[in-house]
Protein backbone atom coordinates (compact mmCIF):
# COMPACT_ATOMS: atom_id res chain seq x y z
CA MET A 1 0.00 0.00 0.00
CA LEU A 2 1.40 3.37 -1.00
CA ILE A 3 0.96 5.91 1.75
CA THR A 4 1.28 9.58 0.91
CA MET A 5 1.34 12.40 3.40
CA VAL A 6 -0.75 15.14 1.83
CA ASN A 7 -2.58 17.63 4.00
CA THR A 8 -1.69 15.86 7.24
CA ILE A 9 -2.21 17.02 10.79
CA LYS A 10 -0.42 15.79 13.87
CA VAL A 11 -2.61 14.39 16.65
CA THR A 12 -1.93 12.98 20.07
CA VAL A 13 -3.82 9.90 21.20
CA SER A 14 -3.46 7.61 24.18
CA LEU A 15 -3.61 3.91 23.35
CA ASP A 16 -2.94 0.85 25.44
CA ASN A 17 0.53 -0.62 24.80
CA LYS A 18 -0.99 -4.04 24.08
CA ILE A 19 -3.19 -2.56 21.34
CA LEU A 20 -0.19 -0.90 19.72
CA ASP A 21 1.89 -4.08 20.01
CA ASP A 22 -0.92 -6.13 18.45
CA LEU A 23 -1.38 -3.54 15.71
CA SER A 24 2.32 -3.58 14.86
CA ARG A 25 2.39 -7.36 14.82
CA VAL A 26 -0.75 -7.75 12.70
CA SER A 27 0.06 -4.96 10.26
CA GLY A 28 3.73 -5.83 9.92
CA ARG A 29 4.55 -2.15 10.36
CA ARG A 30 7.31 -1.17 12.76
CA LYS A 31 6.54 2.54 12.71
CA THR A 32 3.53 3.40 14.85
CA THR A 33 2.41 6.21 12.53
CA PHE A 34 2.18 3.92 9.53
CA ALA A 35 0.46 1.14 11.48
CA ILE A 36 -2.17 3.53 12.87
CA ARG A 37 -2.71 5.23 9.50
CA GLU A 38 -3.23 1.86 7.83
CA ALA A 39 -5.64 0.76 10.56
CA VAL A 40 -7.69 3.96 10.28
CA GLU A 41 -7.83 3.69 6.47
CA PHE A 42 -8.97 0.06 6.79
CA TYR A 43 -11.63 1.03 9.34
CA LEU A 44 -12.99 3.79 7.10
CA LYS A 45 -13.08 1.45 4.11
CA GLN A 46 -15.04 -1.12 6.12
CA LYS A 47 -17.54 1.52 7.25
CA LYS A 48 -18.07 2.60 3.62
CA ILE A 49 -18.66 -1.02 2.63
CA GLU A 50 -21.21 -1.41 5.44
CA LYS A 51 -23.02 1.71 4.22
CA ILE A 52 -23.13 0.37 0.66
CA LYS A 53 -24.44 -2.99 1.89
CA LEU A 54 -27.29 -1.20 3.71
CA MET A 55 -28.44 0.13 0.33
CA LYS A 56 -29.03 -3.41 -0.96
CA GLY A 57 -32.43 -3.58 -2.58
CA LYS A 58 -32.94 0.18 -2.42
CA LEU A 59 -31.41 1.06 -5.78
CA LYS A 60 -32.80 0.39 -9.24
CA PHE A 61 -30.61 -0.24 -12.27
CA ASP A 62 -31.41 -0.16 -15.97
CA ARG A 63 -29.26 -3.21 -16.64
CA THR A 64 -28.78 -6.48 -14.80
CA ALA A 65 -25.51 -7.44 -13.14
CA GLU A 66 -25.00 -9.98 -15.92
CA GLU A 67 -25.41 -7.30 -18.59
CA ILE A 68 -23.01 -5.00 -16.79
CA ARG A 69 -20.50 -7.81 -16.33
CA HIS A 70 -20.53 -8.58 -20.05
CA ASN A 71 -20.84 -4.98 -21.28
CA GLY A 72 -24.41 -5.57 -22.37
CA GLN A 73 -23.42 -8.07 -25.06
């Protein structure tokens, strides 16, 4: 994952050492900043997916999934 630092702000947070150790281990990131950034990005992505899933059955499409998948051919 390419991480760019555009329009960043510095924040101070207090986290339990065990959480940070687990995060570093699971993410494979040694630097706390990168591990936390990756975790926050993942969290936000999951929340967006949940929101999209809640829309299931509420949207109407002109073409079926099969037509879209095969470019309407």
